[in-house]
Amino acid sequence: MLYSLWRSLSSTLWYPPLLLQVLLDTNFLNMSVVNKLDIARGMLDCLAASVTVYVSECVMAELQKLGPKFRIALRLARDKTFVQLPCTHKGTYADDCIVDRVTASRIYIVATCDRDLRRRLRKVPGVPIMYISGHKYTVERLPDAAFLAPR
């Protein structure tokens, strides 16, 4: 009996929790609102790991430019649980900002529903892409090394 208890606890005791970093795009925020998806819960279900969500200043500026149709997505992006990333470049084009940031350091999973941005990100090796498919989040190109811990 003691052995079965140790075996059931051993998978959780030996491995630290995995913390992933997800960078959101304007289109992903808006499509999450349209599909009525909770971002935190959806990412937890999709990735089976703790997630830190990042929103860049360019995404915030793009949502503000798009006007009142996107006010719910803007309110969602201003959530205190999301980490705001400062941008030092000129302009507010979020796609270029995301590609430059991911090319410089490949530590993010990029969440976008924009086909052009996904096409550009596929050219950057080792960058996982999250998108919405069938009213749930889906990840393409997630490295297997992230999930080496036994299930």
Protein backbone atom coordinates (compact mmCIF):
# COMPACT_ATOMS: atom_id res chain seq x y z
CA MET A 1 0.00 0.00 0.00
CA LEU A 2 2.83 2.36 0.80
CA TYR A 3 4.46 1.52 -2.53
CA SER A 4 1.32 2.44 -4.49
CA LEU A 5 1.12 5.76 -2.65
CA TRP A 6 4.77 6.49 -3.41
CA ARG A 7 4.29 5.56 -7.07
CA SER A 8 1.26 7.81 -7.47
CA LEU A 9 3.11 10.76 -5.90
CA SER A 10 6.47 10.18 -7.58
CA SER A 11 5.48 11.74 -10.90
CA THR A 12 4.49 15.02 -9.22
CA LEU A 13 7.31 15.15 -6.68
CA TRP A 14 10.29 14.68 -8.98
CA TYR A 15 9.52 17.19 -11.73
CA PRO A 16 9.06 20.94 -11.27
CA PRO A 17 5.99 22.48 -12.88
CA LEU A 18 6.47 23.64 -16.46
CA LEU A 19 5.98 27.38 -17.08
CA LEU A 20 5.41 28.42 -20.69
CA GLN A 21 5.40 31.96 -22.11
CA VAL A 22 2.74 32.87 -24.67
CA LEU A 23 2.82 36.07 -26.73
CA LEU A 24 -0.64 37.19 -27.92
CA ASP A 25 -1.54 38.83 -31.23
CA THR A 26 -4.41 41.24 -31.90
CA ASN A 27 -6.32 38.78 -34.04
CA PHE A 28 -6.02 36.01 -31.44
CA LEU A 29 -7.49 38.25 -28.73
CA ASN A 30 -10.39 39.25 -30.97
CA MET A 31 -11.11 35.68 -32.11
CA SER A 32 -11.06 34.49 -28.49
CA VAL A 33 -13.76 37.07 -27.73
CA VAL A 34 -15.78 36.10 -30.82
CA ASN A 35 -15.57 32.38 -29.96
CA LYS A 36 -16.25 33.11 -26.25
CA LEU A 37 -13.09 31.35 -25.08
CA ASP A 38 -11.47 31.93 -21.72
CA ILE A 39 -7.79 32.50 -22.55
CA ALA A 40 -6.28 31.20 -19.30
CA ARG A 41 -8.43 28.07 -19.12
CA GLY A 42 -8.11 27.34 -22.85
CA MET A 43 -4.33 27.57 -22.74
CA LEU A 44 -4.17 25.38 -19.65
CA ASP A 45 -6.29 22.75 -21.40
CA CYS A 46 -4.25 22.96 -24.60
CA LEU A 47 -0.74 23.03 -23.15
CA ALA A 48 -1.30 21.16 -19.85
CA ALA A 49 1.13 23.54 -18.14
CA SER A 50 1.21 26.87 -16.34
CA VAL A 51 1.22 29.80 -18.72
CA THR A 52 2.45 33.39 -18.50
CA VAL A 53 0.62 35.50 -21.07
CA TYR A 54 2.38 38.50 -22.65
CA VAL A 55 0.86 41.38 -24.64
CA SER A 56 3.10 43.90 -26.38
CA GLU A 57 2.44 47.64 -26.51
CA CYS A 58 1.98 47.36 -30.28
CA VAL A 59 -0.92 44.96 -29.83
CA MET A 60 -2.51 47.36 -27.34
CA ALA A 61 -2.06 50.29 -29.77
CA GLU A 62 -3.48 48.25 -32.65
CA LEU A 63 -6.56 47.37 -30.59
CA GLN A 64 -7.04 51.03 -29.68
CA LYS A 65 -6.79 52.03 -33.36
CA LEU A 66 -9.42 49.49 -34.40
CA GLY A 67 -12.07 51.36 -32.45
CA PRO A 68 -15.19 50.45 -30.51
CA LYS A 69 -15.76 47.10 -32.25
CA PHE A 70 -12.69 45.75 -30.46
CA ARG A 71 -13.26 47.31 -27.03
CA ILE A 72 -13.93 43.95 -25.35
CA ALA A 73 -10.67 42.56 -26.72
CA LEU A 74 -8.90 45.72 -25.52
CA ARG A 75 -10.39 45.34 -22.05
CA LEU A 76 -9.24 41.71 -22.06
CA ALA A 77 -5.70 42.73 -23.10
CA ARG A 78 -5.56 45.22 -20.21
CA ASP A 79 -6.19 42.41 -17.71
CA LYS A 80 -3.81 42.49 -14.74
CA THR A 81 -2.89 38.82 -15.19
CA PHE A 82 -1.31 39.58 -18.59
CA VAL A 83 2.23 40.94 -18.61
CA GLN A 84 2.65 44.10 -20.72
CA LEU A 85 5.82 44.11 -22.85
CA PRO A 86 7.31 47.51 -23.74
CA CYS A 87 8.30 48.18 -27.35
CA THR A 88 11.28 50.35 -28.28
CA HIS A 89 10.80 50.50 -32.05
CA LYS A 90 8.91 53.07 -34.13
CA GLY A 91 5.44 52.35 -35.43
CA THR A 92 2.63 50.21 -34.10
CA TYR A 93 2.51 47.31 -36.56
CA ALA A 94 2.15 44.34 -34.21
CA ASP A 95 3.13 41.62 -36.71
CA ASP A 96 6.61 43.07 -37.26
CA CYS A 97 7.01 43.57 -33.52
CA ILE A 98 6.12 39.93 -32.79
CA VAL A 99 8.38 38.53 -35.52
CA ASP A 100 11.32 40.69 -34.38
CA ARG A 101 10.82 39.75 -30.73
CA VAL A 102 10.56 36.02 -31.49
CA THR A 103 13.55 36.09 -33.84
CA ALA A 104 15.67 37.75 -31.15
CA SER A 105 14.73 35.23 -28.45
CA ARG A 106 12.79 32.05 -29.14
CA ILE A 107 11.28 31.69 -25.69
CA TYR A 108 7.66 32.42 -26.67
CA ILE A 109 4.77 30.45 -28.04
CA VAL A 110 3.08 32.90 -30.42
CA ALA A 111 -0.73 32.91 -30.30
CA THR A 112 -2.20 34.22 -33.56
CA CYS A 113 -5.01 33.53 -35.99
CA ASP A 114 -3.50 35.67 -38.75
CA ARG A 115 -2.49 33.49 -41.71
CA ASP A 116 0.17 35.89 -42.97
CA LEU A 117 1.80 36.10 -39.55
CA ARG A 118 1.69 32.33 -39.18
CA ARG A 119 3.37 31.98 -42.57
CA ARG A 120 6.11 34.41 -41.49
CA LEU A 121 6.59 32.62 -38.15
CA ARG A 122 6.95 29.21 -39.80
CA LYS A 123 10.15 30.52 -41.38
CA VAL A 124 11.63 31.09 -37.90
CA PRO A 125 12.90 27.71 -36.66
CA GLY A 126 11.75 26.46 -33.28
CA VAL A 127 8.82 28.82 -32.69
CA PRO A 128 5.56 27.10 -31.70
CA ILE A 129 2.36 28.71 -33.01
CA MET A 130 -0.99 28.60 -31.21
CA TYR A 131 -4.25 29.28 -33.05
CA ILE A 132 -7.99 28.68 -32.71
CA SER A 133 -9.46 25.67 -34.47
CA GLY A 134 -12.91 24.25 -33.79
CA HIS A 135 -13.64 26.59 -30.83
CA LYS A 136 -10.51 25.48 -28.96
CA TYR A 137 -6.82 26.34 -28.92
CA THR A 138 -4.41 24.26 -30.97
CA VAL A 139 -0.60 24.32 -31.04
CA GLU A 140 1.49 23.54 -34.05
CA ARG A 141 5.20 22.72 -33.87
CA LEU A 142 5.45 22.34 -30.10
CA PRO A 143 8.81 20.72 -29.33
CA ASP A 144 8.59 17.29 -27.74
CA ALA A 145 11.39 18.18 -25.34
CA ALA A 146 9.00 20.37 -23.36
CA PHE A 147 6.97 17.35 -22.33
CA LEU A 148 9.62 14.85 -21.29
CA ALA A 149 8.14 14.40 -17.84
CA PRO A 150 6.04 11.24 -17.45
CA ARG A 151 2.30 11.68 -17.50
